[in-house]
Amino acid sequence: MFGKGQSGNPEGRPPGIRDKRTAMRDLLLPHAPELVAKVVEMVKEGNAAALRICLDRLIPPAKAKDDPMSLPTLTDSLADNSRAVIKALGEGELTPDEAATVLQALSSQARIIDADEIEK
């Protein structure tokens, strides 16, 4: 094992070396307006790959929402809580993603309780 502050690759990248992607971006930057115009032209001509590029840049991928959710009444029984979450899912009170998140939290809680009991 390596000691504190000791690099796993002491002969690694020297300071000041630029990333290849940054160098390529710097080469393209002066031509950005013409490149964008060309891609838009290709999209208008029906080029599916160009269309995808444009849409990927204009519309970011959907991300899961992290809004607060209303949970079914939970008890001290992990099994009862799991059943309540599954029931809420079936009745449309929770989305599948929300139910999965709560069930994962219940599973983590079960592992924590087990570890706590072993420690005691």
Protein backbone atom coordinates (compact mmCIF):
# COMPACT_ATOMS: atom_id res chain seq x y z
CA MET A 1 0.00 0.00 0.00
CA PHE A 2 1.00 3.58 -0.51
CA GLY A 3 1.59 5.91 2.39
CA LYS A 4 -0.30 9.12 2.97
CA GLY A 5 0.60 11.69 0.33
CA GLN A 6 2.45 9.15 -1.82
CA SER A 7 1.24 8.89 -5.42
CA GLY A 8 0.37 5.54 -6.92
CA ASN A 9 2.04 6.76 -10.11
CA PRO A 10 5.02 8.95 -9.23
CA GLU A 11 6.04 9.11 -12.92
CA GLY A 12 2.53 10.27 -13.91
CA ARG A 13 1.54 13.21 -16.08
CA PRO A 14 3.90 16.15 -15.57
CA PRO A 15 2.36 19.41 -14.35
CA GLY A 16 1.22 21.76 -17.11
CA ILE A 17 0.48 19.08 -19.73
CA ARG A 18 -2.84 19.91 -21.39
CA ASP A 19 -5.61 17.40 -21.83
CA LYS A 20 -6.03 16.26 -25.47
CA ARG A 21 -9.74 17.11 -25.41
CA THR A 22 -8.98 20.67 -24.34
CA ALA A 23 -6.45 21.04 -27.16
CA MET A 24 -8.96 19.72 -29.72
CA ARG A 25 -11.67 22.04 -28.37
CA ASP A 26 -9.29 24.99 -28.71
CA LEU A 27 -8.68 24.06 -32.36
CA LEU A 28 -12.41 23.93 -33.10
CA LEU A 29 -13.45 27.03 -31.16
CA PRO A 30 -12.53 29.62 -33.84
CA HIS A 31 -14.68 27.69 -36.35
CA ALA A 32 -17.67 27.18 -34.03
CA PRO A 33 -20.14 29.46 -35.87
CA GLU A 34 -19.45 27.80 -39.25
CA LEU A 35 -19.58 24.30 -37.74
CA VAL A 36 -22.90 24.99 -36.02
CA ALA A 37 -24.34 26.45 -39.22
CA LYS A 38 -23.23 23.36 -41.15
CA VAL A 39 -24.80 20.99 -38.61
CA VAL A 40 -28.07 22.95 -38.72
CA GLU A 41 -27.99 22.76 -42.53
CA MET A 42 -27.45 18.98 -42.33
CA VAL A 43 -30.37 18.66 -39.91
CA LYS A 44 -32.63 20.55 -42.31
CA GLU A 45 -31.55 18.14 -45.06
CA GLY A 46 -32.67 15.20 -42.92
CA ASN A 47 -29.36 13.96 -41.54
CA ALA A 48 -30.43 11.89 -38.53
CA ALA A 49 -27.00 11.90 -36.87
CA ALA A 50 -26.81 15.69 -37.07
CA LEU A 51 -30.35 15.94 -35.71
CA ARG A 52 -29.39 13.79 -32.74
CA ILE A 53 -26.34 15.95 -32.06
CA CYS A 54 -28.50 19.08 -32.05
CA LEU A 55 -31.21 17.58 -29.88
CA ASP A 56 -28.68 16.20 -27.41
CA ARG A 57 -27.27 19.72 -27.01
CA LEU A 58 -30.61 21.55 -26.93
CA ILE A 59 -32.62 19.23 -24.70
CA PRO A 60 -30.71 17.81 -21.74
CA PRO A 61 -31.54 14.24 -20.73
CA ALA A 62 -34.37 13.90 -18.25
CA LYS A 63 -33.20 13.40 -14.71
CA ALA A 64 -35.03 11.83 -11.85
CA LYS A 65 -36.86 14.35 -9.73
CA ASP A 66 -36.00 14.64 -6.09
CA ASP A 67 -39.22 16.20 -4.89
CA PRO A 68 -40.51 15.31 -1.45
CA MET A 69 -42.95 12.41 -1.47
CA SER A 70 -45.71 11.32 0.83
CA LEU A 71 -45.03 7.90 2.34
CA PRO A 72 -47.55 5.41 3.60
CA THR A 73 -47.70 5.12 7.38
CA LEU A 74 -44.57 3.25 8.41
CA THR A 75 -44.18 1.10 11.51
CA ASP A 76 -41.28 -0.55 13.31
CA SER A 77 -41.70 -3.68 11.17
CA LEU A 78 -39.52 -3.64 8.05
CA ALA A 79 -41.71 -6.32 6.46
CA ASP A 80 -44.88 -4.28 7.09
CA ASN A 81 -43.18 -1.19 5.74
CA SER A 82 -42.16 -3.01 2.56
CA ARG A 83 -45.72 -4.25 2.06
CA ALA A 84 -47.03 -0.69 2.58
CA VAL A 85 -44.65 0.66 -0.06
CA ILE A 86 -45.62 -2.08 -2.55
CA LYS A 87 -49.30 -1.37 -1.87
CA ALA A 88 -48.77 2.39 -2.39
CA LEU A 89 -47.01 1.59 -5.66
CA GLY A 90 -49.90 -0.60 -6.79
CA GLU A 91 -52.44 2.08 -5.91
CA GLY A 92 -50.50 4.77 -7.80
CA GLU A 93 -49.55 6.74 -4.70
CA LEU A 94 -45.84 6.24 -5.42
CA THR A 95 -44.04 6.07 -8.77
CA PRO A 96 -41.88 3.00 -9.47
CA ASP A 97 -38.74 5.12 -8.96
CA GLU A 98 -40.03 6.46 -5.64
CA ALA A 99 -40.99 2.98 -4.43
CA ALA A 100 -37.59 1.60 -5.44
CA THR A 101 -35.85 4.40 -3.54
CA VAL A 102 -37.89 3.78 -0.38
CA LEU A 103 -37.40 0.00 -0.60
CA GLN A 104 -33.66 0.54 -1.00
CA ALA A 105 -33.69 2.75 2.10
CA LEU A 106 -35.60 0.07 4.02
CA SER A 107 -33.06 -2.53 2.88
CA SER A 108 -30.22 -0.31 4.08
CA GLN A 109 -32.01 0.15 7.39
CA ALA A 110 -32.30 -3.63 7.78
CA ARG A 111 -28.54 -4.03 7.23
CA ILE A 112 -27.82 -1.27 9.75
CA ILE A 113 -30.09 -2.93 12.33
CA ASP A 114 -28.38 -6.28 11.73
CA ALA A 115 -24.92 -4.74 12.12
CA ASP A 116 -26.03 -2.92 15.27
CA GLU A 117 -27.38 -6.13 16.81
CA ILE A 118 -24.17 -7.99 15.99
CA GLU A 119 -22.12 -5.19 17.53
CA LYS A 120 -24.17 -5.31 20.75
